[in-house]
N, C-alpha and C. Protein backbone atom coordinates (compact mmCIF):
# COMPACT_ATOMS: atom_id res chain seq x y z
N MET A 1 -1.43 -70.19 82.72
CA MET A 1 -0.31 -69.40 83.12
C MET A 1 0.45 -69.47 82.06
N PRO A 2 1.46 -68.29 81.62
CA PRO A 2 1.88 -67.71 80.62
C PRO A 2 3.19 -68.93 79.95
N ILE A 3 3.69 -69.62 80.92
CA ILE A 3 4.76 -70.58 80.84
C ILE A 3 4.37 -71.94 79.94
N ILE A 4 4.54 -72.09 78.74
CA ILE A 4 3.91 -73.55 78.28
C ILE A 4 5.13 -74.23 78.07
N VAL A 5 4.79 -75.32 78.19
CA VAL A 5 5.83 -77.00 78.29
C VAL A 5 5.18 -77.68 76.81
N ASN A 6 6.47 -77.33 75.86
CA ASN A 6 6.67 -78.05 74.52
C ASN A 6 7.41 -79.28 74.52
N LEU A 7 7.10 -80.19 75.71
CA LEU A 7 7.71 -81.14 76.14
C LEU A 7 7.31 -82.38 74.89
N ASP A 8 6.17 -82.38 74.49
CA ASP A 8 5.38 -83.23 73.43
C ASP A 8 5.68 -83.17 72.11
N VAL A 9 6.10 -81.90 72.13
CA VAL A 9 6.69 -81.41 70.72
C VAL A 9 7.93 -82.15 70.14
N ILE A 10 8.76 -81.92 71.30
CA ILE A 10 10.08 -82.30 71.37
C ILE A 10 10.06 -84.10 71.14
N MET A 11 9.19 -84.31 72.37
CA MET A 11 9.34 -85.86 71.95
C MET A 11 8.66 -86.55 70.79
N ALA A 12 7.93 -85.74 69.80
CA ALA A 12 7.49 -86.20 68.89
C ALA A 12 8.52 -86.34 67.98
N LYS A 13 9.36 -84.95 67.78
CA LYS A 13 10.80 -85.12 66.67
C LYS A 13 11.62 -85.96 67.12
N ARG A 14 11.83 -86.25 68.27
CA ARG A 14 13.17 -86.95 68.70
C ARG A 14 12.13 -88.65 68.56
N LYS A 15 11.01 -88.88 68.19
CA LYS A 15 10.37 -90.22 68.30
C LYS A 15 10.38 -91.24 69.43
N ILE A 16 10.42 -90.39 70.56
CA ILE A 16 10.25 -91.40 71.70
C ILE A 16 8.92 -91.13 72.87
N SER A 17 8.89 -92.43 73.29
CA SER A 17 7.64 -92.40 73.88
C SER A 17 7.78 -91.91 75.24
N SER A 18 6.65 -91.73 76.16
CA SER A 18 6.73 -91.08 77.22
C SER A 18 7.25 -92.09 78.22
N SER A 19 6.93 -93.43 77.94
CA SER A 19 7.29 -94.54 79.16
C SER A 19 9.17 -94.33 78.73
N GLU A 20 9.55 -94.42 77.75
CA GLU A 20 11.04 -94.14 77.46
C GLU A 20 11.76 -93.09 78.22
N LEU A 21 11.24 -92.19 77.74
CA LEU A 21 11.82 -90.79 78.31
C LEU A 21 11.89 -90.73 80.09
N ALA A 22 10.85 -91.43 80.55
CA ALA A 22 10.24 -91.32 81.88
C ALA A 22 11.47 -92.43 82.41
N GLU A 23 11.68 -93.55 82.07
CA GLU A 23 12.82 -94.31 82.09
C GLU A 23 14.33 -93.67 82.39
N LYS A 24 14.14 -92.87 81.15
CA LYS A 24 16.07 -92.13 81.07
C LYS A 24 16.09 -91.55 81.91
N ILE A 25 15.09 -90.68 82.07
CA ILE A 25 15.36 -89.44 83.18
C ILE A 25 15.01 -89.74 84.48
N ASN A 26 14.65 -91.00 84.71
CA ASN A 26 14.21 -91.36 86.13
C ASN A 26 13.02 -90.92 86.89
N ILE A 27 12.07 -90.47 86.27
CA ILE A 27 10.74 -90.31 86.49
C ILE A 27 9.65 -90.91 86.56
N THR A 28 8.51 -90.59 87.30
CA THR A 28 7.54 -91.71 86.79
C THR A 28 6.77 -91.05 85.90
N GLN A 29 5.98 -92.15 85.17
CA GLN A 29 5.19 -91.80 83.62
C GLN A 29 4.09 -90.80 84.62
N ALA A 30 3.43 -90.92 85.34
CA ALA A 30 2.70 -89.95 86.13
C ALA A 30 3.19 -88.56 86.02
N ASN A 31 4.36 -88.00 86.72
CA ASN A 31 5.02 -87.19 86.58
C ASN A 31 5.63 -86.76 85.27
N LEU A 32 5.87 -87.39 84.27
CA LEU A 32 6.19 -86.99 82.96
C LEU A 32 4.95 -86.26 82.48
N SER A 33 3.81 -86.95 82.72
CA SER A 33 2.50 -86.72 82.06
C SER A 33 2.13 -85.32 82.53
N ILE A 34 2.50 -84.69 83.76
CA ILE A 34 2.00 -83.64 84.48
C ILE A 34 2.90 -82.47 83.93
N LEU A 35 3.83 -82.87 83.54
CA LEU A 35 4.90 -81.71 82.86
C LEU A 35 3.96 -81.58 81.19
N LYS A 36 4.09 -82.73 80.96
CA LYS A 36 3.68 -82.81 79.29
C LYS A 36 2.27 -82.04 79.26
N ASN A 37 1.36 -82.11 79.93
CA ASN A 37 0.21 -81.25 79.98
C ASN A 37 -0.01 -80.28 80.43
N ASN A 38 0.99 -79.22 80.82
CA ASN A 38 1.10 -78.00 81.58
C ASN A 38 0.37 -78.14 82.59
N LYS A 39 0.30 -79.01 83.53
CA LYS A 39 -0.47 -79.05 85.11
C LYS A 39 0.89 -78.74 85.89
N ALA A 40 2.13 -79.00 85.72
CA ALA A 40 3.01 -78.74 86.73
C ALA A 40 3.31 -77.23 87.18
N LYS A 41 3.85 -76.87 88.64
CA LYS A 41 3.84 -75.68 89.08
C LYS A 41 5.04 -75.37 88.98
N ALA A 42 5.85 -76.43 89.03
CA ALA A 42 7.31 -76.06 89.02
C ALA A 42 8.09 -77.43 88.42
N ILE A 43 9.48 -76.98 88.20
CA ILE A 43 10.37 -78.25 87.33
C ILE A 43 11.56 -77.76 87.95
N ARG A 44 12.19 -78.98 88.60
CA ARG A 44 13.50 -79.01 89.06
C ARG A 44 14.63 -78.76 87.95
N PHE A 45 15.54 -78.31 88.25
CA PHE A 45 16.65 -77.70 87.29
C PHE A 45 17.53 -79.18 87.20
N SER A 46 17.37 -80.27 88.12
CA SER A 46 18.16 -81.44 87.70
C SER A 46 17.38 -82.24 86.95
N THR A 47 16.01 -81.95 86.80
CA THR A 47 14.95 -82.97 85.79
C THR A 47 14.94 -82.30 84.46
N LEU A 48 14.68 -80.69 84.64
CA LEU A 48 14.85 -80.18 83.36
C LEU A 48 16.45 -80.52 82.42
N GLU A 49 17.74 -80.77 83.31
CA GLU A 49 18.72 -81.19 82.74
C GLU A 49 18.86 -82.31 82.22
N ALA A 50 18.11 -82.93 83.03
CA ALA A 50 18.17 -84.77 82.34
C ALA A 50 17.17 -84.74 81.10
N ILE A 51 16.18 -83.97 81.11
CA ILE A 51 15.29 -84.11 79.92
C ILE A 51 16.23 -83.28 78.35
N CYS A 52 17.03 -82.46 78.84
CA CYS A 52 17.42 -82.00 77.90
C CYS A 52 18.82 -82.63 77.32
N LYS A 53 19.29 -83.39 78.50
CA LYS A 53 20.20 -84.51 77.90
C LYS A 53 19.77 -85.70 77.43
N ALA A 54 18.66 -86.29 77.82
CA ALA A 54 17.94 -86.98 77.06
C ALA A 54 17.44 -86.87 75.75
N LEU A 55 17.08 -85.74 75.41
CA LEU A 55 16.27 -85.38 74.09
C LEU A 55 17.19 -84.50 73.45
N ASP A 56 18.46 -84.26 73.89
CA ASP A 56 19.47 -83.52 73.04
C ASP A 56 18.92 -82.01 72.83
N CYS A 57 18.65 -81.51 73.62
CA CYS A 57 17.94 -79.92 73.22
C CYS A 57 18.33 -79.05 74.00
N GLN A 58 17.75 -77.92 74.29
CA GLN A 58 17.92 -76.91 75.18
C GLN A 58 16.72 -76.35 75.89
N PRO A 59 16.82 -75.80 76.99
CA PRO A 59 15.66 -75.45 77.91
C PRO A 59 14.59 -74.61 77.27
N GLY A 60 14.99 -73.98 76.51
CA GLY A 60 14.39 -73.14 75.31
C GLY A 60 13.34 -73.72 74.29
N ASP A 61 13.99 -74.88 73.90
CA ASP A 61 13.17 -75.88 73.30
C ASP A 61 11.81 -76.62 73.83
N ILE A 62 12.10 -76.52 74.94
CA ILE A 62 11.21 -77.11 75.90
C ILE A 62 9.94 -76.07 76.44
N LEU A 63 10.43 -75.27 76.99
CA LEU A 63 10.00 -73.85 77.68
C LEU A 63 9.53 -72.62 76.88
N GLU A 64 8.32 -72.28 76.96
CA GLU A 64 8.20 -71.12 76.20
C GLU A 64 7.26 -70.08 77.06
N TYR A 65 7.67 -68.80 76.83
CA TYR A 65 6.94 -67.93 77.68
C TYR A 65 5.71 -67.19 76.52
N ILE A 66 4.51 -66.84 77.02
CA ILE A 66 3.73 -66.40 76.30
C ILE A 66 2.70 -65.32 77.10
N GLU A 67 3.02 -64.08 77.14
CA GLU A 67 2.54 -63.30 77.79
C GLU A 67 0.86 -63.19 77.67
N ASP A 68 0.17 -63.41 78.82
CA ASP A 68 -1.08 -63.56 79.17
C ASP A 68 -1.94 -62.01 79.03
N GLU A 69 -3.17 -62.17 78.11
CA GLU A 69 -3.57 -61.07 77.75
C GLU A 69 -4.03 -59.76 79.53
N ASN A 70 -4.35 -60.94 80.57
CA ASN A 70 -4.69 -60.46 81.42
C ASN A 70 -3.25 -59.93 82.35
N THR A 71 -2.24 -60.09 81.91
CA THR A 71 -1.07 -59.34 82.80
C THR A 71 0.07 -58.83 81.95
N ARG A 72 -0.86 -58.14 81.20
CA ARG A 72 -0.11 -57.20 80.27
C ARG A 72 -0.16 -55.93 80.52
N ARG A 73 0.81 -55.42 80.55
CA ARG A 73 1.03 -53.98 81.44
C ARG A 73 0.77 -52.89 79.98
N SER A 74 0.52 -51.78 80.66
CA SER A 74 0.25 -50.57 79.55
C SER A 74 1.33 -49.88 79.35
């Protein structure tokens, strides 16, 4: 998928653990792990908002678009 989740990078910069962030944003550690490992198919805006608030960042700090070689248009 061409959307990359850089949540682990931001968490490392902010020195926050998965368990601490999960508690702050009120989601399970399992669901946070799915996000961190690029396994999520979607994310609610309310969850994205909570993550940005807890980590003092912007959505673009967490989400990145990388064009897939197979989907490039000529």
